[in-house]
C-alpha atoms as a PDB file:
ATOM      1  CA  MET A   1       6.886  19.014  14.585  1.00  0.00           C
ATOM      2  CA  GLY A   2       4.945  21.677  12.665  1.00  0.00           C
ATOM      3  CA  TYR A   3       1.284  22.468  12.978  1.00  0.00           C
ATOM      4  CA  CYS A   4      -1.078  20.019  11.319  1.00  0.00           C
ATOM      5  CA  SER A   5      -4.750  20.892  11.299  1.00  0.00           C
ATOM      6  CA  PHE A   6      -7.133  18.162  12.417  1.00  0.00           C
ATOM      7  CA  GLU A   7      -8.974  18.617   9.100  1.00  0.00           C
ATOM      8  CA  GLU A   8      -5.936  17.054   7.431  1.00  0.00           C
ATOM      9  CA  LEU A   9      -6.209  13.846   9.473  1.00  0.00           C
ATOM     10  CA  GLU A  10      -7.726  10.946   7.542  1.00  0.00           C
ATOM     11  CA  VAL A  11      -9.107   9.476  10.770  1.00  0.00           C
ATOM     12  CA  TRP A  12     -11.008  12.712  11.459  1.00  0.00           C
ATOM     13  CA  LYS A  13     -12.430  12.720   7.911  1.00  0.00           C
ATOM     14  CA  ARG A  14     -13.579   9.132   8.244  1.00  0.00           C
ATOM     15  CA  ALA A  15     -15.090   9.792  11.682  1.00  0.00           C
ATOM     16  CA  CYS A  16     -17.058  12.725  10.246  1.00  0.00           C
ATOM     17  CA  ARG A  17     -18.342  10.619   7.357  1.00  0.00           C
ATOM     18  CA  LEU A  18     -19.336   7.909   9.810  1.00  0.00           C
ATOM     19  CA  ALA A  19     -21.261  10.389  11.986  1.00  0.00           C
ATOM     20  CA  VAL A  20     -23.206  11.583   8.939  1.00  0.00           C
ATOM     21  CA  GLU A  21     -23.959   7.985   7.971  1.00  0.00           C
ATOM     22  CA  VAL A  22     -25.200   7.183  11.478  1.00  0.00           C
ATOM     23  CA  TYR A  23     -27.573  10.154  11.281  1.00  0.00           C
ATOM     24  CA  GLU A  24     -28.786   8.970   7.880  1.00  0.00           C
ATOM     25  CA  VAL A  25     -29.415   5.333   8.826  1.00  0.00           C
ATOM     26  CA  LEU A  26     -31.228   6.358  12.006  1.00  0.00           C
ATOM     27  CA  ARG A  27     -33.350   9.080  10.398  1.00  0.00           C
ATOM     28  CA  GLY A  28     -36.550   7.021  10.661  1.00  0.00           C
ATOM     29  CA  CYS A  29     -35.760   5.394  14.001  1.00  0.00           C
ATOM     30  CA  ARG A  30     -38.541   5.925  16.531  1.00  0.00           C
ATOM     31  CA  ASP A  31     -36.446   4.731  19.458  1.00  0.00           C
ATOM     32  CA  TYR A  32     -35.431   8.264  20.333  1.00  0.00           C
ATOM     33  CA  GLY A  33     -33.276   7.301  23.308  1.00  0.00           C
ATOM     34  CA  LEU A  34     -31.152   4.876  21.309  1.00  0.00           C
ATOM     35  CA  ARG A  35     -31.003   7.218  18.317  1.00  0.00           C
ATOM     36  CA  ASP A  36     -29.869  10.113  20.521  1.00  0.00           C
ATOM     37  CA  GLN A  37     -27.240   8.001  22.277  1.00  0.00           C
ATOM     38  CA  MET A  38     -25.872   6.665  18.987  1.00  0.00           C
ATOM     39  CA  THR A  39     -25.697  10.031  17.253  1.00  0.00           C
ATOM     40  CA  ARG A  40     -24.004  11.590  20.289  1.00  0.00           C
ATOM     41  CA  ALA A  41     -21.383   8.828  20.361  1.00  0.00           C
ATOM     42  CA  ALA A  42     -20.814   9.152  16.601  1.00  0.00           C
ATOM     43  CA  VAL A  43     -20.319  12.906  16.804  1.00  0.00           C
ATOM     44  CA  SER A  44     -18.081  12.455  19.840  1.00  0.00           C
ATOM     45  CA  VAL A  45     -15.494  10.450  17.889  1.00  0.00           C
ATOM     46  CA  ALA A  46     -14.709  13.213  15.383  1.00  0.00           C
ATOM     47  CA  SER A  47     -15.189  15.992  17.934  1.00  0.00           C
ATOM     48  CA  ASN A  48     -12.666  14.551  20.377  1.00  0.00           C
ATOM     49  CA  ILE A  49     -10.100  14.035  17.622  1.00  0.00           C
ATOM     50  CA  ALA A  50     -10.481  17.706  16.725  1.00  0.00           C
ATOM     51  CA  GLU A  51     -10.423  18.953  20.305  1.00  0.00           C
ATOM     52  CA  GLY A  52      -7.342  16.932  21.172  1.00  0.00           C
ATOM     53  CA  ALA A  53      -5.486  18.051  18.069  1.00  0.00           C
ATOM     54  CA  GLU A  54      -6.039  21.682  18.996  1.00  0.00           C
ATOM     55  CA  ARG A  55      -4.780  21.313  22.550  1.00  0.00           C
ATOM     56  CA  ASP A  56      -1.317  22.667  23.268  1.00  0.00           C
ATOM     57  CA  SER A  57      -0.279  19.572  25.158  1.00  0.00           C
ATOM     58  CA  ARG A  58       0.844  16.177  23.916  1.00  0.00           C
ATOM     59  CA  ALA A  59      -0.690  14.575  27.018  1.00  0.00           C
ATOM     60  CA  GLU A  60      -4.033  16.273  26.335  1.00  0.00           C
ATOM     61  CA  TYR A  61      -3.941  15.186  22.687  1.00  0.00           C
ATOM     62  CA  ILE A  62      -3.363  11.576  23.765  1.00  0.00           C
ATOM     63  CA  ARG A  63      -6.163  11.842  26.326  1.00  0.00           C
ATOM     64  CA  PHE A  64      -8.656  13.073  23.729  1.00  0.00           C
ATOM     65  CA  ILE A  65      -7.609  10.374  21.257  1.00  0.00           C
ATOM     66  CA  HIS A  66      -8.394   7.846  23.977  1.00  0.00           C
ATOM     67  CA  ILE A  67     -11.769   9.491  24.591  1.00  0.00           C
ATOM     68  CA  ALA A  68     -12.505   9.295  20.839  1.00  0.00           C
ATOM     69  CA  LYS A  69     -11.531   5.624  20.866  1.00  0.00           C
ATOM     70  CA  GLY A  70     -13.860   5.041  23.814  1.00  0.00           C
ATOM     71  CA  SER A  71     -16.710   6.736  21.970  1.00  0.00           C
ATOM     72  CA  ALA A  72     -16.044   4.484  18.971  1.00  0.00           C
ATOM     73  CA  ALA A  73     -16.322   1.422  21.235  1.00  0.00           C
ATOM     74  CA  GLU A  74     -19.514   2.807  22.773  1.00  0.00           C
ATOM     75  CA  LEU A  75     -21.017   3.292  19.310  1.00  0.00           C
ATOM     76  CA  ARG A  76     -19.994  -0.213  18.218  1.00  0.00           C
ATOM     77  CA  THR A  77     -21.830  -1.631  21.226  1.00  0.00           C
ATOM     78  CA  GLN A  78     -24.929   0.412  20.411  1.00  0.00           C
ATOM     79  CA  ILE A  79     -24.787  -0.749  16.778  1.00  0.00           C
ATOM     80  CA  TYR A  80     -24.753  -4.392  17.885  1.00  0.00           C
ATOM     81  CA  ILE A  81     -27.760  -3.729  20.116  1.00  0.00           C
ATOM     82  CA  ALA A  82     -29.580  -1.778  17.381  1.00  0.00           C
ATOM     83  CA  GLN A  83     -29.157  -4.689  14.970  1.00  0.00           C
ATOM     84  CA  ARG A  84     -30.385  -7.225  17.513  1.00  0.00           C
ATOM     85  CA  ILE A  85     -33.564  -5.251  18.222  1.00  0.00           C
ATOM     86  CA  GLY A  86     -34.273  -4.676  14.534  1.00  0.00           C
ATOM     87  CA  VAL A  87     -33.310  -1.017  14.213  1.00  0.00           C
ATOM     88  CA  LEU A  88     -30.408  -1.829  11.848  1.00  0.00           C
ATOM     89  CA  ASP A  89     -30.205  -4.562   9.246  1.00  0.00           C
ATOM     90  CA  PRO A  90     -27.261  -6.984   9.446  1.00  0.00           C
ATOM     91  CA  ALA A  91     -25.463  -5.513   6.409  1.00  0.00           C
ATOM     92  CA  THR A  92     -25.565  -1.991   7.836  1.00  0.00           C
ATOM     93  CA  GLN A  93     -24.423  -3.281  11.214  1.00  0.00           C
ATOM     94  CA  ALA A  94     -21.484  -5.098   9.620  1.00  0.00           C
ATOM     95  CA  ARG A  95     -20.453  -2.080   7.530  1.00  0.00           C
ATOM     96  CA  LEU A  96     -20.616   0.393  10.419  1.00  0.00           C
ATOM     97  CA  THR A  97     -18.872  -1.987  12.804  1.00  0.00           C
ATOM     98  CA  GLN A  98     -16.025  -2.572  10.356  1.00  0.00           C
ATOM     99  CA  GLU A  99     -15.570   1.162   9.809  1.00  0.00           C
ATOM    100  CA  LEU A 100     -15.460   1.752  13.553  1.00  0.00           C
ATOM    101  CA  LYS A 101     -12.862  -0.979  14.013  1.00  0.00           C
ATOM    102  CA  GLU A 102     -10.707   0.667  11.355  1.00  0.00           C
ATOM    103  CA  ILE A 103     -11.154   4.103  12.941  1.00  0.00           C
ATOM    104  CA  SER A 104     -10.178   2.653  16.341  1.00  0.00           C
ATOM    105  CA  ALA A 105      -7.049   1.128  14.820  1.00  0.00           C
ATOM    106  CA  MET A 106      -6.185   4.473  13.227  1.00  0.00           C
ATOM    107  CA  LEU A 107      -6.643   6.220  16.574  1.00  0.00           C
ATOM    108  CA  HIS A 108      -4.372   3.677  18.233  1.00  0.00           C
ATOM    109  CA  SER A 109      -1.743   4.318  15.546  1.00  0.00           C
ATOM    110  CA  LEU A 110      -2.129   8.069  15.980  1.00  0.00           C
ATOM    111  CA  ALA A 111      -1.599   7.926  19.746  1.00  0.00           C
ATOM    112  CA  LYS A 112       1.246   5.417  19.803  1.00  0.00           C
ATOM    113  CA  PRO A 113       4.095   7.677  18.568  1.00  0.00           C
ATOM    114  CA  LEU A 114       2.835  10.527  20.753  1.00  0.00           C
ATOM    115  CA  LYS A 115       3.438   8.415  23.849  1.00  0.00           C
ATOM    116  CA  THR A 116       7.177   8.074  23.227  1.00  0.00           C
END
């Protein structure tokens, strides 16, 4: 298997776009704790994909994909909470949640062949 840069991975591109969107939708949020937690989780998804891809170990790559997937689940939970407390409107919550579910599925598909 030849070298493939993480920048070529569609899942990384989508995770980066999602992180930017999370920053944008939370720009006016005055709940600084929630905003900080959500932006950190959003950035963590793309960052862990990149870090894992650059590791020289298949096991490490798989581990970082799993960390990215965990961060996606963490962010989904925070999005549900943010909608329920009025920080996000239902349409934004639905859009972000769907994107995170798709990213999680892509991460699962990325890790699966690496395990065999």
